[in-house]
Amino acid sequence: MSGFNRHPWLKWEQVEKFLGQKLPFAEKGQTFLDNMTWAEGYVQDMLKKAMPDLDASISSQSYAGSEIFETHEHVIIKVEIAKDEDPKAMQVFVKSNQIKLTGFLSGKNRIIKLPTLVQPRTARVSYKQRILQIKVRKRGLKEDYIEAYIRY
């Protein structure tokens, strides 16, 4: 049986109507499900239609004046601090997946999402020439076991 007739209960016309577009037909020797390259584009289009502000919300996760980059072992975040801000009033809080900056004159906190998980206790923060630099060690994919002692 060909890929299209394997399931007689499945009417491709109904699927196309539901999806709102014609489905691409397989090349010779392939079944419909062997070539699913069209699916990624379709999903991206549907996400854009369902959430048109998605691109704006992703870019707003890191605010203007910040730069995030990774090395093999660390994530480094550089944040430009405005001239009128008091760097001594600022505080940096590090979580495994984000950083929270407090102490701004506006009273608002700023959250910076990290591209990978980190070890919060390894964070080192420095301030120089209006740049706040936060360097945090990445959490390794392969972690050692830590013995948990049994109380008797």
N, C-alpha and C. Protein backbone atom coordinates (compact mmCIF):
# COMPACT_ATOMS: atom_id res chain seq x y z
N MET A 1 0.83 -1.19 0.00
CA MET A 1 0.00 0.00 0.00
C MET A 1 0.87 1.24 0.00
N SER A 2 0.47 2.23 -0.73
CA SER A 2 1.25 3.47 -0.72
C SER A 2 0.97 4.24 0.57
N GLY A 3 1.79 5.24 0.84
CA GLY A 3 1.66 6.02 2.06
C GLY A 3 0.34 6.74 2.18
N PHE A 4 -0.28 7.05 1.04
CA PHE A 4 -1.53 7.79 1.07
C PHE A 4 -2.72 6.90 1.37
N ASN A 5 -2.60 5.62 1.08
CA ASN A 5 -3.75 4.72 1.24
C ASN A 5 -3.59 3.79 2.43
N ARG A 6 -2.57 3.99 3.24
CA ARG A 6 -2.36 3.13 4.40
C ARG A 6 -3.51 3.21 5.38
N HIS A 7 -4.04 4.40 5.55
CA HIS A 7 -5.13 4.62 6.49
C HIS A 7 -6.34 5.15 5.71
N PRO A 8 -7.24 4.25 5.29
CA PRO A 8 -8.37 4.70 4.47
C PRO A 8 -9.29 5.65 5.22
N TRP A 9 -9.26 5.67 6.54
CA TRP A 9 -10.11 6.56 7.32
C TRP A 9 -9.59 7.98 7.29
N LEU A 10 -8.32 8.18 6.90
CA LEU A 10 -7.72 9.50 6.88
C LEU A 10 -7.90 10.12 5.50
N LYS A 11 -8.69 11.15 5.43
CA LYS A 11 -8.96 11.83 4.17
C LYS A 11 -8.04 13.04 4.06
N TRP A 12 -7.13 13.03 3.11
CA TRP A 12 -6.15 14.10 2.97
C TRP A 12 -6.81 15.43 2.66
N GLU A 13 -7.95 15.38 2.00
CA GLU A 13 -8.65 16.63 1.70
C GLU A 13 -9.09 17.32 3.00
N GLN A 14 -9.52 16.52 3.98
CA GLN A 14 -9.92 17.09 5.26
C GLN A 14 -8.72 17.66 6.01
N VAL A 15 -7.57 16.99 5.93
CA VAL A 15 -6.35 17.49 6.58
C VAL A 15 -5.92 18.80 5.94
N GLU A 16 -5.95 18.85 4.60
CA GLU A 16 -5.58 20.08 3.90
C GLU A 16 -6.53 21.22 4.25
N LYS A 17 -7.80 20.91 4.37
CA LYS A 17 -8.77 21.93 4.73
C LYS A 17 -8.49 22.46 6.14
N PHE A 18 -8.18 21.54 7.06
CA PHE A 18 -7.86 21.93 8.43
C PHE A 18 -6.60 22.80 8.49
N LEU A 19 -5.56 22.41 7.74
CA LEU A 19 -4.30 23.14 7.74
C LEU A 19 -4.38 24.44 6.95
N GLY A 20 -5.34 24.52 6.05
CA GLY A 20 -5.49 25.74 5.27
C GLY A 20 -4.50 25.84 4.12
N GLN A 21 -3.94 24.73 3.71
CA GLN A 21 -3.01 24.74 2.57
C GLN A 21 -2.91 23.35 1.98
N LYS A 22 -2.45 23.28 0.76
CA LYS A 22 -2.24 21.99 0.10
C LYS A 22 -1.01 21.33 0.68
N LEU A 23 -1.07 20.04 0.85
CA LEU A 23 0.07 19.29 1.34
C LEU A 23 0.98 18.91 0.18
N PRO A 24 2.28 18.98 0.39
CA PRO A 24 3.20 18.58 -0.69
C PRO A 24 3.15 17.07 -0.88
N PHE A 25 3.20 16.64 -2.11
CA PHE A 25 3.17 15.21 -2.37
C PHE A 25 4.58 14.66 -2.40
N ALA A 26 4.69 13.43 -2.00
CA ALA A 26 6.01 12.80 -1.90
C ALA A 26 6.59 12.54 -3.28
N GLU A 27 7.92 12.48 -3.33
CA GLU A 27 8.60 12.14 -4.56
C GLU A 27 8.45 10.63 -4.77
N LYS A 28 8.79 10.19 -5.96
CA LYS A 28 8.67 8.77 -6.27
C LYS A 28 9.53 7.94 -5.31
N GLY A 29 8.98 6.89 -4.81
CA GLY A 29 9.71 6.01 -3.92
C GLY A 29 9.61 6.41 -2.46
N GLN A 30 8.98 7.54 -2.17
CA GLN A 30 8.84 8.00 -0.78
C GLN A 30 7.36 8.01 -0.42
N THR A 31 7.09 7.79 0.84
CA THR A 31 5.74 7.98 1.32
C THR A 31 5.61 9.42 1.81
N PHE A 32 4.43 9.84 2.08
CA PHE A 32 4.18 11.21 2.52
C PHE A 32 4.95 11.53 3.79
N LEU A 33 5.01 10.59 4.72
CA LEU A 33 5.66 10.83 6.01
C LEU A 33 7.17 10.76 5.94
N ASP A 34 7.74 10.26 4.85
CA ASP A 34 9.20 10.22 4.71
C ASP A 34 9.79 11.60 4.46
N ASN A 35 9.02 12.48 3.86
CA ASN A 35 9.52 13.81 3.54
C ASN A 35 8.70 14.84 4.31
N MET A 36 9.16 15.20 5.49
CA MET A 36 8.43 16.13 6.34
C MET A 36 9.12 17.49 6.43
N THR A 37 9.94 17.84 5.45
CA THR A 37 10.68 19.10 5.49
C THR A 37 9.75 20.30 5.46
N TRP A 38 8.57 20.16 4.89
CA TRP A 38 7.61 21.26 4.81
C TRP A 38 7.04 21.60 6.19
N ALA A 39 7.10 20.67 7.14
CA ALA A 39 6.44 20.86 8.44
C ALA A 39 7.05 22.00 9.24
N GLU A 40 8.38 22.16 9.19
CA GLU A 40 9.03 23.21 9.97
C GLU A 40 8.55 24.59 9.55
N GLY A 41 8.50 24.82 8.25
CA GLY A 41 8.01 26.11 7.75
C GLY A 41 6.57 26.36 8.14
N TYR A 42 5.76 25.31 8.07
CA TYR A 42 4.35 25.45 8.43
C TYR A 42 4.21 25.80 9.92
N VAL A 43 4.96 25.14 10.77
CA VAL A 43 4.87 25.40 12.21
C VAL A 43 5.33 26.83 12.50
N GLN A 44 6.42 27.28 11.87
CA GLN A 44 6.89 28.65 12.08
C GLN A 44 5.83 29.66 11.66
N ASP A 45 5.19 29.43 10.52
CA ASP A 45 4.13 30.34 10.06
C ASP A 45 2.96 30.38 11.05
N MET A 46 2.57 29.22 11.56
CA MET A 46 1.46 29.16 12.51
C MET A 46 1.81 29.89 13.80
N LEU A 47 3.05 29.72 14.27
CA LEU A 47 3.46 30.41 15.49
C LEU A 47 3.46 31.92 15.29
N LYS A 48 3.91 32.38 14.13
CA LYS A 48 3.90 33.82 13.85
C LYS A 48 2.48 34.36 13.80
N LYS A 49 1.56 33.57 13.23
CA LYS A 49 0.16 34.01 13.18
C LYS A 49 -0.48 34.00 14.57
N ALA A 50 -0.17 32.98 15.36
CA ALA A 50 -0.78 32.85 16.68
C ALA A 50 -0.21 33.84 17.68
N MET A 51 1.09 34.12 17.56
CA MET A 51 1.76 35.02 18.50
C MET A 51 2.58 36.05 17.72
N PRO A 52 1.94 37.06 17.17
CA PRO A 52 2.67 38.03 16.35
C PRO A 52 3.72 38.82 17.11
N ASP A 53 3.58 38.95 18.42
CA ASP A 53 4.54 39.71 19.22
C ASP A 53 5.67 38.83 19.75
N LEU A 54 5.76 37.60 19.27
CA LEU A 54 6.77 36.68 19.77
C LEU A 54 8.18 37.21 19.54
N ASP A 55 8.47 37.72 18.34
CA ASP A 55 9.81 38.23 18.06
C ASP A 55 10.16 39.39 18.98
N ALA A 56 9.20 40.27 19.25
CA ALA A 56 9.45 41.42 20.12
C ALA A 56 9.71 40.97 21.55
N SER A 57 8.98 39.95 22.02
CA SER A 57 9.17 39.52 23.41
C SER A 57 10.50 38.80 23.58
N ILE A 58 10.96 38.10 22.56
CA ILE A 58 12.24 37.42 22.66
C ILE A 58 13.36 38.44 22.75
N SER A 59 13.30 39.46 21.92
CA SER A 59 14.38 40.45 21.94
C SER A 59 14.33 41.31 23.19
N SER A 60 13.16 41.41 23.84
CA SER A 60 13.07 42.25 25.03
C SER A 60 13.56 41.53 26.28
N GLN A 61 13.87 40.23 26.17
CA GLN A 61 14.37 39.52 27.33
C GLN A 61 15.70 40.10 27.79
N SER A 62 16.52 40.50 26.87
CA SER A 62 17.71 41.23 27.25
C SER A 62 17.48 42.66 26.78
N TYR A 63 17.67 43.58 27.67
CA TYR A 63 17.32 44.96 27.36
C TYR A 63 18.47 45.68 26.67
N ALA A 64 18.19 46.87 26.19
CA ALA A 64 19.18 47.65 25.47
C ALA A 64 20.40 47.89 26.35
N GLY A 65 21.56 47.82 25.76
CA GLY A 65 22.79 48.08 26.49
C GLY A 65 23.37 46.84 27.16
N SER A 66 22.86 45.66 26.83
CA SER A 66 23.44 44.45 27.41
C SER A 66 23.93 43.54 26.29
N GLU A 67 24.95 42.77 26.62
CA GLU A 67 25.55 41.85 25.66
C GLU A 67 25.83 40.55 26.39
N ILE A 68 25.43 39.44 25.79
CA ILE A 68 25.64 38.13 26.40
C ILE A 68 26.43 37.27 25.41
N PHE A 69 27.49 36.66 25.88
CA PHE A 69 28.19 35.71 25.02
C PHE A 69 28.75 34.58 25.87
N GLU A 70 29.06 33.48 25.18
CA GLU A 70 29.51 32.27 25.86
C GLU A 70 30.91 31.90 25.41
N THR A 71 31.67 31.35 26.36
CA THR A 71 32.93 30.68 26.03
C THR A 71 32.67 29.19 26.28
N HIS A 72 33.71 28.38 26.23
CA HIS A 72 33.50 26.95 26.48
C HIS A 72 33.03 26.69 27.90
N GLU A 73 33.53 27.49 28.85
CA GLU A 73 33.24 27.20 30.26
C GLU A 73 32.41 28.27 30.96
N HIS A 74 32.24 29.44 30.35
CA HIS A 74 31.57 30.55 31.05
C HIS A 74 30.50 31.22 30.17
N VAL A 75 29.60 31.91 30.86
CA VAL A 75 28.67 32.85 30.23
C VAL A 75 29.08 34.22 30.75
N ILE A 76 29.26 35.15 29.84
CA ILE A 76 29.69 36.50 30.22
C ILE A 76 28.62 37.49 29.79
N ILE A 77 28.18 38.31 30.72
CA ILE A 77 27.14 39.30 30.48
C ILE A 77 27.75 40.67 30.74
N LYS A 78 27.64 41.56 29.76
CA LYS A 78 28.12 42.92 29.93
C LYS A 78 26.90 43.84 29.84
N VAL A 79 26.74 44.67 30.87
CA VAL A 79 25.59 45.57 30.94
C VAL A 79 26.11 47.00 31.03
N GLU A 80 25.67 47.83 30.10
CA GLU A 80 26.06 49.24 30.14
C GLU A 80 25.15 49.96 31.12
N ILE A 81 25.76 50.68 32.07
CA ILE A 81 25.02 51.39 33.10
C ILE A 81 24.98 52.87 32.75
N ALA A 82 23.82 53.47 32.86
CA ALA A 82 23.65 54.90 32.52
C ALA A 82 24.48 55.77 33.45
N LYS A 83 24.83 56.96 32.99
CA LYS A 83 25.67 57.88 33.77
C LYS A 83 25.03 58.29 35.08
N ASP A 84 23.72 58.46 35.08
CA ASP A 84 23.04 58.94 36.29
C ASP A 84 22.81 57.84 37.33
N GLU A 85 23.06 56.58 37.00
CA GLU A 85 22.86 55.48 37.94
C GLU A 85 24.05 55.40 38.92
N ASP A 86 23.75 54.97 40.14
CA ASP A 86 24.79 54.79 41.15
C ASP A 86 25.17 53.30 41.19
N PRO A 87 26.34 52.93 40.69
CA PRO A 87 26.71 51.52 40.66
C PRO A 87 26.84 50.90 42.05
N LYS A 88 27.11 51.71 43.06
CA LYS A 88 27.24 51.17 44.42
C LYS A 88 25.90 50.80 45.02
N ALA A 89 24.82 51.30 44.46
CA ALA A 89 23.48 50.96 44.94
C ALA A 89 22.94 49.70 44.29
N MET A 90 23.63 49.21 43.28
CA MET A 90 23.14 48.05 42.52
C MET A 90 23.46 46.75 43.21
N GLN A 91 22.59 45.78 42.94
CA GLN A 91 22.80 44.41 43.42
C GLN A 91 22.59 43.47 42.25
N VAL A 92 23.33 42.37 42.25
CA VAL A 92 23.23 41.36 41.20
C VAL A 92 22.86 40.04 41.87
N PHE A 93 21.77 39.44 41.41
CA PHE A 93 21.33 38.14 41.93
C PHE A 93 21.38 37.14 40.77
N VAL A 94 22.02 36.01 41.01
CA VAL A 94 22.21 35.03 39.95
C VAL A 94 21.44 33.75 40.28
N LYS A 95 20.65 33.31 39.33
CA LYS A 95 19.94 32.04 39.39
C LYS A 95 20.53 31.14 38.31
N SER A 96 20.20 29.90 38.28
CA SER A 96 20.80 29.00 37.30
C SER A 96 20.42 29.36 35.86
N ASN A 97 19.30 30.06 35.66
CA ASN A 97 18.88 30.38 34.30
C ASN A 97 18.68 31.86 34.02
N GLN A 98 18.89 32.72 35.01
CA GLN A 98 18.70 34.16 34.79
C GLN A 98 19.46 34.99 35.81
N ILE A 99 19.57 36.28 35.50
CA ILE A 99 20.23 37.23 36.39
C ILE A 99 19.26 38.37 36.64
N LYS A 100 19.19 38.80 37.91
CA LYS A 100 18.32 39.93 38.27
C LYS A 100 19.21 41.06 38.76
N LEU A 101 19.00 42.24 38.17
CA LEU A 101 19.73 43.43 38.57
C LEU A 101 18.77 44.36 39.30
N THR A 102 19.16 44.84 40.47
CA THR A 102 18.32 45.76 41.24
C THR A 102 19.13 47.00 41.59
N GLY A 103 18.44 48.01 42.13
CA GLY A 103 19.10 49.21 42.59
C GLY A 103 19.13 50.34 41.58
N PHE A 104 18.29 50.27 40.56
CA PHE A 104 18.22 51.33 39.57
C PHE A 104 17.40 52.49 40.12
N LEU A 105 17.66 53.69 39.63
CA LEU A 105 16.93 54.88 40.09
C LEU A 105 15.43 54.77 39.82
N SER A 106 15.07 54.09 38.74
CA SER A 106 13.66 53.94 38.40
C SER A 106 12.93 53.02 39.39
N GLY A 107 13.69 52.24 40.14
CA GLY A 107 13.08 51.31 41.10
C GLY A 107 12.71 49.97 40.48
N LYS A 108 12.86 49.86 39.18
CA LYS A 108 12.50 48.61 38.50
C LYS A 108 13.69 47.67 38.48
N ASN A 109 13.39 46.38 38.59
CA ASN A 109 14.41 45.35 38.47
C ASN A 109 14.53 44.96 37.01
N ARG A 110 15.69 44.49 36.64
CA ARG A 110 15.90 44.01 35.27
C ARG A 110 16.30 42.54 35.32
N ILE A 111 15.64 41.76 34.50
CA ILE A 111 15.90 40.33 34.44
C ILE A 111 16.58 40.03 33.10
N ILE A 112 17.68 39.29 33.16
CA ILE A 112 18.39 38.88 31.95
C ILE A 112 18.36 37.36 31.90
N LYS A 113 17.73 36.82 30.86
CA LYS A 113 17.66 35.37 30.68
C LYS A 113 19.00 34.88 30.13
N LEU A 114 19.48 33.78 30.66
CA LEU A 114 20.75 33.22 30.23
C LEU A 114 20.54 32.16 29.16
N PRO A 115 21.47 32.04 28.22
CA PRO A 115 21.31 31.08 27.13
C PRO A 115 21.53 29.63 27.54
N THR A 116 22.14 29.42 28.70
CA THR A 116 22.39 28.06 29.18
C THR A 116 22.39 28.08 30.71
N LEU A 117 22.28 26.92 31.32
CA LEU A 117 22.29 26.86 32.77
C LEU A 117 23.70 27.13 33.30
N VAL A 118 23.76 27.81 34.45
CA VAL A 118 25.05 28.17 35.05
C VAL A 118 25.07 27.74 36.51
N GLN A 119 26.25 27.86 37.11
CA GLN A 119 26.43 27.58 38.54
C GLN A 119 26.44 28.93 39.26
N PRO A 120 25.34 29.32 39.90
CA PRO A 120 25.22 30.66 40.49
C PRO A 120 26.33 31.02 41.47
N ARG A 121 26.84 30.07 42.23
CA ARG A 121 27.86 30.38 43.25
C ARG A 121 29.21 30.77 42.64
N THR A 122 29.38 30.55 41.34
CA THR A 122 30.66 30.88 40.71
C THR A 122 30.67 32.27 40.08
N ALA A 123 29.62 33.03 40.27
CA ALA A 123 29.50 34.34 39.62
C ALA A 123 30.54 35.32 40.15
N ARG A 124 31.16 36.05 39.23
CA ARG A 124 32.10 37.11 39.56
C ARG A 124 31.63 38.36 38.83
N VAL A 125 31.46 39.46 39.57
CA VAL A 125 30.92 40.69 39.01
C VAL A 125 31.95 41.80 39.18
N SER A 126 32.15 42.56 38.11
CA SER A 126 33.06 43.71 38.19
C SER A 126 32.40 44.90 37.50
N TYR A 127 32.81 46.09 37.94
CA TYR A 127 32.29 47.33 37.37
C TYR A 127 33.48 48.19 36.98
N LYS A 128 33.49 48.61 35.71
CA LYS A 128 34.58 49.44 35.22
C LYS A 128 34.09 50.25 34.03
N GLN A 129 34.30 51.55 34.07
CA GLN A 129 33.94 52.46 32.99
C GLN A 129 32.50 52.27 32.53
N ARG A 130 31.58 52.29 33.48
CA ARG A 130 30.14 52.20 33.24
C ARG A 130 29.70 50.86 32.64
N ILE A 131 30.54 49.85 32.74
CA ILE A 131 30.18 48.51 32.26
C ILE A 131 30.18 47.56 33.45
N LEU A 132 29.04 46.92 33.70
CA LEU A 132 28.90 45.89 34.72
C LEU A 132 29.12 44.56 34.02
N GLN A 133 30.16 43.83 34.41
CA GLN A 133 30.45 42.55 33.78
C GLN A 133 30.22 41.42 34.77
N ILE A 134 29.43 40.45 34.33
CA ILE A 134 29.10 39.29 35.17
C ILE A 134 29.62 38.05 34.44
N LYS A 135 30.46 37.30 35.11
CA LYS A 135 31.03 36.09 34.53
C LYS A 135 30.62 34.92 35.41
N VAL A 136 29.97 33.93 34.80
CA VAL A 136 29.46 32.78 35.55
C VAL A 136 29.87 31.50 34.84
N ARG A 137 30.30 30.53 35.62
CA ARG A 137 30.69 29.24 35.05
C ARG A 137 29.45 28.46 34.61
N LYS A 138 29.53 27.87 33.43
CA LYS A 138 28.42 27.05 32.93
C LYS A 138 28.28 25.79 33.77
N ARG A 139 27.06 25.32 33.84
CA ARG A 139 26.81 24.05 34.51
C ARG A 139 27.17 22.96 33.52
N GLY A 140 28.01 22.05 33.92
CA GLY A 140 28.46 20.99 33.03
C GLY A 140 27.34 20.02 32.71
N LEU A 141 27.42 19.45 31.52
CA LEU A 141 26.44 18.44 31.14
C LEU A 141 26.64 17.16 31.95
N LYS A 142 27.91 16.91 32.25
CA LYS A 142 28.23 15.70 33.00
C LYS A 142 28.65 16.12 34.40
N GLU A 143 27.76 15.95 35.33
CA GLU A 143 28.05 16.34 36.70
C GLU A 143 28.45 15.11 37.51
N ASP A 144 29.36 15.32 38.46
CA ASP A 144 29.77 14.24 39.34
C ASP A 144 28.69 13.99 40.39
N TYR A 145 28.68 12.77 40.87
CA TYR A 145 27.78 12.44 41.96
C TYR A 145 28.32 13.04 43.25
N ILE A 146 27.44 13.53 44.08
CA ILE A 146 27.79 14.02 45.40
C ILE A 146 27.13 13.06 46.39
N GLU A 147 27.95 12.55 47.30
CA GLU A 147 27.40 11.59 48.24
C GLU A 147 26.49 12.28 49.24
N ALA A 148 25.32 11.74 49.43
CA ALA A 148 24.38 12.20 50.44
C ALA A 148 24.48 11.20 51.59
N TYR A 149 24.93 11.67 52.73
CA TYR A 149 25.17 10.79 53.86
C TYR A 149 23.86 10.39 54.53
N ILE A 150 23.82 9.16 54.94
CA ILE A 150 22.63 8.59 55.59
C ILE A 150 22.74 8.81 57.08
N ARG A 151 21.69 9.37 57.67
CA ARG A 151 21.66 9.53 59.14
C ARG A 151 21.02 8.31 59.76
N TYR A 152 21.64 7.79 60.82
CA TYR A 152 21.11 6.59 61.52
C TYR A 152 20.68 6.96 62.90
